[in-house]
């Protein structure tokens, strides 16, 4: 699974002022990242506001990204939910042409036990024609994918890795030490990416990479090469902004940066809202 090592970017979805998908902004964003050194794109993750985007719109977004990308780098697509049978059916009916993998967050809100999480992912992996990447983000889902469950799921031939956003370094190090060969462990936190790679992770699925793909992917490359002196320089250069863009929710913060860069607007679909004015001022003051 070399294709999902390095820097992936969890793409935002640009909207127009009247909250329609901004196709031109999406094309501009895709070009910005593909031409600036990222290793792969992640379409329709949480950063892409997928809960408020219809399946029809999601398919159009995917098609636009694939058209602009022209096969230059791999594309991963987010398919998740807390209704296992519905997610399974979505996978079975989805057109995976041009898509290299699925990112799937653990079921949210109904808080299944570990057996339920395990069975959920097995059903999805059995149905999927492309590799599945687990997504452990208890801050959003309300439940943690425990180490034993991850290791058990890692034995499935169609589950290739995990995006780790638990914020638990001890858990992550135990996973890195015990994972089977070839099973990817990917950072889900921009600000922890350098130390996580130092501990043995394979890369990141990034938010800051929407705006600064060149600088952030270079930091990741340095880290993977063991060149931590250069990696630290870029890490600490970006760190204040990496933290600030999450001060009033995601993706509101990164959309402030993208608007200032002239790539797209900062509109978001309800219930998400643009960031508070004081947060916006802070973010703008920290831009490179």
C-alpha atoms as a PDB file:
ATOM      1  CA  UNK A   1       0.000   0.000   0.000  1.00  0.00           C
ATOM      2  CA  UNK A   2       2.786   2.414  -0.896  1.00  0.00           C
ATOM      3  CA  UNK A   3       0.181   4.620  -2.616  1.00  0.00           C
ATOM      4  CA  UNK A   4      -1.184   5.727   0.772  1.00  0.00           C
ATOM      5  CA  UNK A   5       2.139   6.557   2.398  1.00  0.00           C
ATOM      6  CA  UNK A   6       3.247  10.150   2.817  1.00  0.00           C
ATOM      7  CA  UNK A   7       0.833  13.078   2.632  1.00  0.00           C
ATOM      8  CA  UNK A   8      -2.837  12.600   1.890  1.00  0.00           C
ATOM      9  CA  UNK A   9      -5.138  15.595   2.107  1.00  0.00           C
ATOM     10  CA  UNK A  10      -8.671  15.528   3.498  1.00  0.00           C
ATOM     11  CA  UNK A  11     -10.199  17.837   0.914  1.00  0.00           C
ATOM     12  CA  UNK A  12     -12.670  20.537   1.913  1.00  0.00           C
ATOM     13  CA  UNK A  13     -15.746  21.048  -0.254  1.00  0.00           C
ATOM     14  CA  UNK A  14     -16.028  24.616  -1.581  1.00  0.00           C
ATOM     15  CA  UNK A  15     -19.525  26.109  -1.605  1.00  0.00           C
ATOM     16  CA  UNK A  16     -20.944  29.166  -3.322  1.00  0.00           C
ATOM     17  CA  UNK A  17     -22.639  31.935  -1.324  1.00  0.00           C
ATOM     18  CA  UNK A  18     -25.991  30.193  -1.885  1.00  0.00           C
ATOM     19  CA  UNK A  19     -24.528  26.907  -0.569  1.00  0.00           C
ATOM     20  CA  UNK A  20     -24.296  25.031  -3.852  1.00  0.00           C
ATOM     21  CA  UNK A  21     -21.118  23.046  -4.549  1.00  0.00           C
ATOM     22  CA  UNK A  22     -18.592  25.438  -6.096  1.00  0.00           C
ATOM     23  CA  UNK A  23     -17.344  23.397  -9.043  1.00  0.00           C
ATOM     24  CA  UNK A  24     -14.756  25.956 -10.134  1.00  0.00           C
ATOM     25  CA  UNK A  25     -13.415  26.294  -6.614  1.00  0.00           C
ATOM     26  CA  UNK A  26     -13.184  22.522  -6.385  1.00  0.00           C
ATOM     27  CA  UNK A  27     -11.197  22.373  -9.617  1.00  0.00           C
ATOM     28  CA  UNK A  28      -8.860  25.110  -8.396  1.00  0.00           C
ATOM     29  CA  UNK A  29      -8.351  23.362  -5.049  1.00  0.00           C
ATOM     30  CA  UNK A  30      -7.617  20.019  -6.707  1.00  0.00           C
ATOM     31  CA  UNK A  31      -5.056  21.581  -9.046  1.00  0.00           C
ATOM     32  CA  UNK A  32      -3.456  23.409  -6.108  1.00  0.00           C
ATOM     33  CA  UNK A  33      -2.799  20.154  -4.269  1.00  0.00           C
ATOM     34  CA  UNK A  34      -1.972  17.829  -7.145  1.00  0.00           C
ATOM     35  CA  UNK A  35       0.613  20.270  -8.506  1.00  0.00           C
ATOM     36  CA  UNK A  36       2.264  20.884  -5.126  1.00  0.00           C
ATOM     37  CA  UNK A  37       3.560  17.512  -4.062  1.00  0.00           C
ATOM     38  CA  UNK A  38       0.879  15.699  -2.061  1.00  0.00           C
ATOM     39  CA  UNK A  39       0.828  11.918  -2.427  1.00  0.00           C
ATOM     40  CA  UNK A  40      -2.924  11.314  -2.565  1.00  0.00           C
ATOM     41  CA  UNK A  41      -6.307  13.001  -2.119  1.00  0.00           C
ATOM     42  CA  UNK A  42      -9.115  12.060   0.260  1.00  0.00           C
ATOM     43  CA  UNK A  43     -12.527  13.114  -1.059  1.00  0.00           C
ATOM     44  CA  UNK A  44     -15.622  13.251   1.170  1.00  0.00           C
ATOM     45  CA  UNK A  45     -14.046  12.824   4.563  1.00  0.00           C
ATOM     46  CA  UNK A  46     -15.471  14.755   7.502  1.00  0.00           C
ATOM     47  CA  UNK A  47     -13.419  17.789   6.455  1.00  0.00           C
ATOM     48  CA  UNK A  48     -15.352  17.647   3.184  1.00  0.00           C
ATOM     49  CA  UNK A  49     -18.633  18.126   5.108  1.00  0.00           C
ATOM     50  CA  UNK A  50     -19.958  14.807   3.839  1.00  0.00           C
ATOM     51  CA  UNK A  51     -22.885  14.605   6.327  1.00  0.00           C
ATOM     52  CA  UNK A  52     -24.574  17.553   4.593  1.00  0.00           C
ATOM     53  CA  UNK A  53     -23.830  16.538   0.994  1.00  0.00           C
ATOM     54  CA  UNK A  54     -26.192  14.226  -0.891  1.00  0.00           C
ATOM     55  CA  UNK A  55     -24.964  11.035  -2.547  1.00  0.00           C
ATOM     56  CA  UNK A  56     -25.687  12.606  -5.933  1.00  0.00           C
ATOM     57  CA  UNK A  57     -23.541  15.641  -5.105  1.00  0.00           C
ATOM     58  CA  UNK A  58     -20.805  13.445  -3.651  1.00  0.00           C
ATOM     59  CA  UNK A  59     -20.614  11.495  -6.894  1.00  0.00           C
ATOM     60  CA  UNK A  60     -20.323  14.728  -8.890  1.00  0.00           C
ATOM     61  CA  UNK A  61     -17.576  15.990  -6.581  1.00  0.00           C
ATOM     62  CA  UNK A  62     -15.688  12.736  -7.040  1.00  0.00           C
ATOM     63  CA  UNK A  63     -16.009  12.986 -10.830  1.00  0.00           C
ATOM     64  CA  UNK A  64     -14.686  16.572 -10.878  1.00  0.00           C
ATOM     65  CA  UNK A  65     -11.679  15.672  -8.721  1.00  0.00           C
ATOM     66  CA  UNK A  66     -10.896  12.643 -10.891  1.00  0.00           C
ATOM     67  CA  UNK A  67     -11.202  14.725 -14.059  1.00  0.00           C
ATOM     68  CA  UNK A  68      -8.790  17.382 -12.811  1.00  0.00           C
ATOM     69  CA  UNK A  69      -6.398  14.866 -11.273  1.00  0.00           C
ATOM     70  CA  UNK A  70      -6.096  12.902 -14.537  1.00  0.00           C
ATOM     71  CA  UNK A  71      -4.721   9.880 -12.692  1.00  0.00           C
ATOM     72  CA  UNK A  72      -1.643  11.725 -11.438  1.00  0.00           C
ATOM     73  CA  UNK A  73      -2.044  10.681  -7.780  1.00  0.00           C
ATOM     74  CA  UNK A  74      -4.325   8.160  -6.029  1.00  0.00           C
ATOM     75  CA  UNK A  75      -7.757   9.207  -4.768  1.00  0.00           C
ATOM     76  CA  UNK A  76      -9.393   7.809  -1.631  1.00  0.00           C
ATOM     77  CA  UNK A  77     -13.124   8.291  -1.002  1.00  0.00           C
ATOM     78  CA  UNK A  78     -14.905   8.567   2.343  1.00  0.00           C
ATOM     79  CA  UNK A  79     -17.829   6.203   2.862  1.00  0.00           C
ATOM     80  CA  UNK A  80     -19.047   5.849   6.438  1.00  0.00           C
ATOM     81  CA  UNK A  81     -22.093   5.900   8.660  1.00  0.00           C
ATOM     82  CA  UNK A  82     -23.787   4.366  11.664  1.00  0.00           C
ATOM     83  CA  UNK A  83     -26.188   2.178   9.673  1.00  0.00           C
ATOM     84  CA  UNK A  84     -24.002  -0.749   8.628  1.00  0.00           C
ATOM     85  CA  UNK A  85     -26.437  -2.156   6.077  1.00  0.00           C
ATOM     86  CA  UNK A  86     -26.875   1.246   4.395  1.00  0.00           C
ATOM     87  CA  UNK A  87     -23.103   1.813   4.209  1.00  0.00           C
ATOM     88  CA  UNK A  88     -22.649  -1.684   2.812  1.00  0.00           C
ATOM     89  CA  UNK A  89     -25.268  -0.973   0.132  1.00  0.00           C
ATOM     90  CA  UNK A  90     -23.643   2.365  -0.714  1.00  0.00           C
ATOM     91  CA  UNK A  91     -20.356   0.567  -1.305  1.00  0.00           C
ATOM     92  CA  UNK A  92     -22.011  -2.079  -3.474  1.00  0.00           C
ATOM     93  CA  UNK A  93     -23.712   0.531  -5.674  1.00  0.00           C
ATOM     94  CA  UNK A  94     -20.802   2.989  -5.859  1.00  0.00           C
ATOM     95  CA  UNK A  95     -18.759   3.516  -9.032  1.00  0.00           C
ATOM     96  CA  UNK A  96     -15.154   3.026  -7.930  1.00  0.00           C
ATOM     97  CA  UNK A  97     -13.636   3.791 -11.330  1.00  0.00           C
ATOM     98  CA  UNK A  98     -10.541   5.873 -10.592  1.00  0.00           C
ATOM     99  CA  UNK A  99     -10.855   5.435  -6.807  1.00  0.00           C
ATOM    100  CA  UNK A 100      -8.040   3.554  -5.047  1.00  0.00           C
ATOM    101  CA  UNK A 101      -9.413   3.146  -1.527  1.00  0.00           C
ATOM    102  CA  UNK A 102     -12.125   3.849   1.042  1.00  0.00           C
ATOM    103  CA  UNK A 103     -11.694   5.837   4.250  1.00  0.00           C
ATOM    104  CA  UNK A 104     -14.394   4.816   6.714  1.00  0.00           C
ATOM    105  CA  UNK A 105     -14.893   6.345  10.154  1.00  0.00           C
ATOM    106  CA  UNK A 106     -16.049   4.115  12.981  1.00  0.00           C
ATOM    107  CA  UNK A 107     -19.837   4.249  13.504  1.00  0.00           C
ATOM    108  CA  UNK A 108     -20.835   7.357  15.419  1.00  0.00           C
ATOM    109  CA  UNK A 109     -23.524   8.244  17.976  1.00  0.00           C
ATOM    110  CA  UNK A 110     -24.988   4.789  18.640  1.00  0.00           C
ATOM    111  CA  UNK A 111     -21.673   3.762  20.277  1.00  0.00           C
ATOM    112  CA  UNK A 112     -21.389   0.058  19.348  1.00  0.00           C
ATOM    113  CA  UNK A 113     -19.229  -2.231  21.449  1.00  0.00           C
ATOM    114  CA  UNK A 114     -16.011  -3.664  20.024  1.00  0.00           C
ATOM    115  CA  UNK A 115     -17.789  -6.709  18.553  1.00  0.00           C
ATOM    116  CA  UNK A 116     -20.174  -4.383  16.741  1.00  0.00           C
ATOM    117  CA  UNK A 117     -17.350  -2.231  15.398  1.00  0.00           C
ATOM    118  CA  UNK A 118     -15.496  -5.331  14.233  1.00  0.00           C
ATOM    119  CA  UNK A 119     -18.531  -6.785  12.424  1.00  0.00           C
ATOM    120  CA  UNK A 120     -19.325  -3.395  10.863  1.00  0.00           C
ATOM    121  CA  UNK A 121     -15.901  -3.137   9.268  1.00  0.00           C
ATOM    122  CA  UNK A 122     -15.802  -6.768   8.150  1.00  0.00           C
ATOM    123  CA  UNK A 123     -19.088  -6.303   6.279  1.00  0.00           C
ATOM    124  CA  UNK A 124     -17.746  -3.155   4.599  1.00  0.00           C
ATOM    125  CA  UNK A 125     -14.422  -4.748   3.687  1.00  0.00           C
ATOM    126  CA  UNK A 126     -16.143  -7.835   2.299  1.00  0.00           C
ATOM    127  CA  UNK A 127     -18.321  -5.631   0.080  1.00  0.00           C
ATOM    128  CA  UNK A 128     -15.597  -3.260  -1.118  1.00  0.00           C
ATOM    129  CA  UNK A 129     -13.702  -3.761  -4.410  1.00  0.00           C
ATOM    130  CA  UNK A 130     -10.871  -1.507  -3.151  1.00  0.00           C
ATOM    131  CA  UNK A 131      -8.892  -1.477   0.130  1.00  0.00           C
ATOM    132  CA  UNK A 132     -10.519  -0.046   3.248  1.00  0.00           C
ATOM    133  CA  UNK A 133      -8.711   2.305   5.647  1.00  0.00           C
ATOM    134  CA  UNK A 134     -10.201   2.383   9.145  1.00  0.00           C
ATOM    135  CA  UNK A 135     -10.647   5.757  10.845  1.00  0.00           C
ATOM    136  CA  UNK A 136     -10.344   5.966  14.619  1.00  0.00           C
ATOM    137  CA  UNK A 137     -11.633   9.357  15.765  1.00  0.00           C
ATOM    138  CA  UNK A 138     -13.355   8.946  19.155  1.00  0.00           C
ATOM    139  CA  UNK A 139     -13.695  12.706  19.610  1.00  0.00           C
ATOM    140  CA  UNK A 140     -16.259  12.668  16.791  1.00  0.00           C
ATOM    141  CA  UNK A 141     -17.716   9.161  16.976  1.00  0.00           C
ATOM    142  CA  UNK A 142     -18.096   8.752  20.727  1.00  0.00           C
ATOM    143  CA  UNK A 143     -16.313   5.408  20.760  1.00  0.00           C
ATOM    144  CA  UNK A 144     -12.732   4.179  20.437  1.00  0.00           C
ATOM    145  CA  UNK A 145     -11.577   1.360  18.186  1.00  0.00           C
ATOM    146  CA  UNK A 146      -9.528  -0.539  20.746  1.00  0.00           C
ATOM    147  CA  UNK A 147      -6.105  -1.968  19.983  1.00  0.00           C
ATOM    148  CA  UNK A 148      -7.206  -5.607  19.977  1.00  0.00           C
ATOM    149  CA  UNK A 149     -10.029  -4.806  17.566  1.00  0.00           C
ATOM    150  CA  UNK A 150      -7.681  -2.980  15.175  1.00  0.00           C
ATOM    151  CA  UNK A 151      -5.196  -5.856  15.207  1.00  0.00           C
ATOM    152  CA  UNK A 152      -7.998  -8.340  14.539  1.00  0.00           C
ATOM    153  CA  UNK A 153      -9.318  -6.219  11.661  1.00  0.00           C
ATOM    154  CA  UNK A 154      -5.779  -5.881  10.281  1.00  0.00           C
ATOM    155  CA  UNK A 155      -5.911  -9.602   9.506  1.00  0.00           C
ATOM    156  CA  UNK A 156      -8.677  -8.984   6.938  1.00  0.00           C
ATOM    157  CA  UNK A 157      -7.158  -9.082   3.429  1.00  0.00           C
ATOM    158  CA  UNK A 158      -9.075  -5.963   2.330  1.00  0.00           C
ATOM    159  CA  UNK A 159      -8.334  -3.764   5.357  1.00  0.00           C
ATOM    160  CA  UNK A 160      -5.027  -2.047   4.657  1.00  0.00           C
ATOM    161  CA  UNK A 161      -4.517   0.508   7.398  1.00  0.00           C
ATOM    162  CA  UNK A 162      -5.942   2.977   9.862  1.00  0.00           C
ATOM    163  CA  UNK A 163      -6.132   6.745  10.186  1.00  0.00           C
ATOM    164  CA  UNK A 164      -5.414   7.403  13.856  1.00  0.00           C
ATOM    165  CA  UNK A 165      -6.940  10.519  15.385  1.00  0.00           C
ATOM    166  CA  UNK A 166      -7.369   9.206  18.908  1.00  0.00           C
ATOM    167  CA  UNK A 167      -4.727  11.602  20.237  1.00  0.00           C
ATOM    168  CA  UNK A 168      -3.405   8.740  22.366  1.00  0.00           C
ATOM    169  CA  UNK A 169       0.323   8.328  21.759  1.00  0.00           C
ATOM    170  CA  UNK A 170       0.626   5.223  23.949  1.00  0.00           C
ATOM    171  CA  UNK A 171      -2.165   3.501  22.012  1.00  0.00           C
ATOM    172  CA  UNK A 172      -0.557   4.494  18.703  1.00  0.00           C
ATOM    173  CA  UNK A 173       2.874   3.206  19.684  1.00  0.00           C
ATOM    174  CA  UNK A 174       1.436  -0.127  20.827  1.00  0.00           C
ATOM    175  CA  UNK A 175      -0.365  -0.386  17.476  1.00  0.00           C
ATOM    176  CA  UNK A 176       2.793   0.443  15.511  1.00  0.00           C
ATOM    177  CA  UNK A 177       4.752  -2.159  17.465  1.00  0.00           C
ATOM    178  CA  UNK A 178       2.167  -4.936  17.039  1.00  0.00           C
ATOM    179  CA  UNK A 179       0.712  -4.288  13.584  1.00  0.00           C
ATOM    180  CA  UNK A 180       1.238  -6.889  10.862  1.00  0.00           C
ATOM    181  CA  UNK A 181       3.698  -6.126   8.098  1.00  0.00           C
ATOM    182  CA  UNK A 182       2.260  -3.815   5.464  1.00  0.00           C
ATOM    183  CA  UNK A 183      -0.573  -2.487   7.639  1.00  0.00           C
ATOM    184  CA  UNK A 184      -0.473   1.325   7.448  1.00  0.00           C
ATOM    185  CA  UNK A 185      -0.809   3.567  10.475  1.00  0.00           C
ATOM    186  CA  UNK A 186      -1.611   7.119   9.329  1.00  0.00           C
ATOM    187  CA  UNK A 187      -1.772  10.252  11.445  1.00  0.00           C
ATOM    188  CA  UNK A 188      -5.098  12.053  11.574  1.00  0.00           C
ATOM    189  CA  UNK A 189      -3.642  15.066  13.379  1.00  0.00           C
ATOM    190  CA  UNK A 190      -1.477  17.594  11.533  1.00  0.00           C
ATOM    191  CA  UNK A 191       0.177  18.880  14.685  1.00  0.00           C
ATOM    192  CA  UNK A 192       1.257  15.378  15.809  1.00  0.00           C
ATOM    193  CA  UNK A 193       2.464  14.179  12.417  1.00  0.00           C
ATOM    194  CA  UNK A 194       6.188  14.728  12.929  1.00  0.00           C
ATOM    195  CA  UNK A 195       6.407  12.940  16.307  1.00  0.00           C
ATOM    196  CA  UNK A 196       4.053  10.202  15.074  1.00  0.00           C
ATOM    197  CA  UNK A 197       6.264   9.529  12.042  1.00  0.00           C
ATOM    198  CA  UNK A 198       9.285   9.512  14.347  1.00  0.00           C
ATOM    199  CA  UNK A 199       7.465   6.796  16.311  1.00  0.00           C
ATOM    200  CA  UNK A 200       6.866   4.789  13.118  1.00  0.00           C
ATOM    201  CA  UNK A 201       3.724   6.035  11.380  1.00  0.00           C
ATOM    202  CA  UNK A 202       3.554   6.016   7.588  1.00  0.00           C
ATOM    203  CA  UNK A 203       2.269   9.520   6.932  1.00  0.00           C
ATOM    204  CA  UNK A 204      -0.802  11.691   7.446  1.00  0.00           C
ATOM    205  CA  UNK A 205      -4.225  12.566   6.126  1.00  0.00           C
ATOM    206  CA  UNK A 206      -3.967  16.318   6.536  1.00  0.00           C
ATOM    207  CA  UNK A 207      -6.197  19.384   6.775  1.00  0.00           C
ATOM    208  CA  UNK A 208      -3.507  22.087   6.550  1.00  0.00           C
ATOM    209  CA  UNK A 209      -2.423  20.434   3.293  1.00  0.00           C
ATOM    210  CA  UNK A 210      -5.469  21.985   1.596  1.00  0.00           C
ATOM    211  CA  UNK A 211      -3.794  25.374   1.879  1.00  0.00           C
ATOM    212  CA  UNK A 212      -0.071  24.589   2.164  1.00  0.00           C
ATOM    213  CA  UNK A 213       0.424  21.307   0.305  1.00  0.00           C
ATOM    214  CA  UNK A 214       3.989  22.084  -0.752  1.00  0.00           C
ATOM    215  CA  UNK A 215       5.335  22.994   2.684  1.00  0.00           C
ATOM    216  CA  UNK A 216       3.468  20.343   4.641  1.00  0.00           C
ATOM    217  CA  UNK A 217       4.189  17.462   2.273  1.00  0.00           C
ATOM    218  CA  UNK A 218       7.850  18.462   2.297  1.00  0.00           C
ATOM    219  CA  UNK A 219       7.825  18.283   6.092  1.00  0.00           C
ATOM    220  CA  UNK A 220       6.355  14.787   5.862  1.00  0.00           C
ATOM    221  CA  UNK A 221       8.944  13.704   3.305  1.00  0.00           C
ATOM    222  CA  UNK A 222      11.769  14.960   5.512  1.00  0.00           C
ATOM    223  CA  UNK A 223      10.285  13.098   8.472  1.00  0.00           C
ATOM    224  CA  UNK A 224       9.938   9.831   6.570  1.00  0.00           C
ATOM    225  CA  UNK A 225      13.547  10.186   5.402  1.00  0.00           C
ATOM    226  CA  UNK A 226      14.701  10.693   9.006  1.00  0.00           C
ATOM    227  CA  UNK A 227      15.791  14.262   8.254  1.00  0.00           C
ATOM    228  CA  UNK A 228      14.251  15.660  11.416  1.00  0.00           C
ATOM    229  CA  UNK A 229      16.300  18.846  11.487  1.00  0.00           C
ATOM    230  CA  UNK A 230      14.666  20.110   8.301  1.00  0.00           C
ATOM    231  CA  UNK A 231      11.334  18.551   9.245  1.00  0.00           C
ATOM    232  CA  UNK A 232      11.306  20.386  12.580  1.00  0.00           C
ATOM    233  CA  UNK A 233      11.891  23.715  10.861  1.00  0.00           C
ATOM    234  CA  UNK A 234       8.784  23.317   8.703  1.00  0.00           C
ATOM    235  CA  UNK A 235       6.771  21.715  11.518  1.00  0.00           C
ATOM    236  CA  UNK A 236       7.325  24.639  13.883  1.00  0.00           C
ATOM    237  CA  UNK A 237       6.825  27.151  11.079  1.00  0.00           C
ATOM    238  CA  UNK A 238       3.354  25.724  10.450  1.00  0.00           C
ATOM    239  CA  UNK A 239       2.442  24.642  13.987  1.00  0.00           C
ATOM    240  CA  UNK A 240       0.710  27.829  15.239  1.00  0.00           C
ATOM    241  CA  UNK A 241      -1.524  27.870  12.165  1.00  0.00           C
ATOM    242  CA  UNK A 242      -2.116  24.091  12.318  1.00  0.00           C
ATOM    243  CA  UNK A 243      -3.509  24.577  15.813  1.00  0.00           C
ATOM    244  CA  UNK A 244      -5.419  27.797  15.132  1.00  0.00           C
ATOM    245  CA  UNK A 245      -7.471  26.428  12.233  1.00  0.00           C
ATOM    246  CA  UNK A 246      -9.217  24.107  14.695  1.00  0.00           C
ATOM    247  CA  UNK A 247     -10.002  26.788  17.305  1.00  0.00           C
ATOM    248  CA  UNK A 248     -13.610  27.142  16.142  1.00  0.00           C
ATOM    249  CA  UNK A 249     -14.249  23.847  14.381  1.00  0.00           C
ATOM    250  CA  UNK A 250     -13.254  22.132  11.179  1.00  0.00           C
ATOM    251  CA  UNK A 251     -13.323  22.979   8.262  1.00  0.00           C
ATOM    252  CA  UNK A 252     -14.187  26.573   9.108  1.00  0.00           C
ATOM    253  CA  UNK A 253     -10.611  27.464   9.983  1.00  0.00           C
ATOM    254  CA  UNK A 254      -8.952  26.051   6.897  1.00  0.00           C
ATOM    255  CA  UNK A 255     -11.608  27.691   4.709  1.00  0.00           C
ATOM    256  CA  UNK A 256     -10.550  31.082   6.108  1.00  0.00           C
ATOM    257  CA  UNK A 257      -7.024  30.393   4.849  1.00  0.00           C
ATOM    258  CA  UNK A 258      -8.222  29.151   1.459  1.00  0.00           C
ATOM    259  CA  UNK A 259     -10.386  32.247   1.002  1.00  0.00           C
ATOM    260  CA  UNK A 260      -7.428  34.508   1.759  1.00  0.00           C
ATOM    261  CA  UNK A 261      -5.311  32.545  -0.736  1.00  0.00           C
ATOM    262  CA  UNK A 262      -7.973  33.111  -3.396  1.00  0.00           C
ATOM    263  CA  UNK A 263      -8.701  29.425  -3.935  1.00  0.00           C
ATOM    264  CA  UNK A 264     -12.344  29.318  -2.813  1.00  0.00           C
ATOM    265  CA  UNK A 265     -14.822  30.923  -0.424  1.00  0.00           C
ATOM    266  CA  UNK A 266     -15.405  30.111   3.233  1.00  0.00           C
ATOM    267  CA  UNK A 267     -19.115  29.196   3.087  1.00  0.00           C
ATOM    268  CA  UNK A 268     -20.275  26.058   4.917  1.00  0.00           C
ATOM    269  CA  UNK A 269     -23.570  24.233   5.016  1.00  0.00           C
ATOM    270  CA  UNK A 270     -25.642  24.325   8.213  1.00  0.00           C
ATOM    271  CA  UNK A 271     -25.323  23.293  10.948  1.00  0.00           C
ATOM    272  CA  UNK A 272     -21.667  24.275  10.418  1.00  0.00           C
ATOM    273  CA  UNK A 273     -20.956  27.997  10.451  1.00  0.00           C
ATOM    274  CA  UNK A 274     -18.090  30.289   9.577  1.00  0.00           C
ATOM    275  CA  UNK A 275     -15.638  30.907  12.415  1.00  0.00           C
ATOM    276  CA  UNK A 276     -15.936  33.701  14.960  1.00  0.00           C
ATOM    277  CA  UNK A 277     -14.402  36.997  13.880  1.00  0.00           C
ATOM    278  CA  UNK A 278     -11.680  36.899  16.549  1.00  0.00           C
ATOM    279  CA  UNK A 279     -10.681  33.392  15.433  1.00  0.00           C
ATOM    280  CA  UNK A 280     -10.594  34.561  11.816  1.00  0.00           C
ATOM    281  CA  UNK A 281      -8.276  37.428  12.752  1.00  0.00           C
ATOM    282  CA  UNK A 282      -5.978  35.053  14.621  1.00  0.00           C
ATOM    283  CA  UNK A 283      -5.833  32.624  11.694  1.00  0.00           C
ATOM    284  CA  UNK A 284      -5.104  35.385   9.187  1.00  0.00           C
ATOM    285  CA  UNK A 285      -2.326  36.744  11.400  1.00  0.00           C
ATOM    286  CA  UNK A 286      -0.630  33.324  11.433  1.00  0.00           C
ATOM    287  CA  UNK A 287      -0.696  32.635   7.696  1.00  0.00           C
ATOM    288  CA  UNK A 288       2.644  32.096   5.981  1.00  0.00           C
END
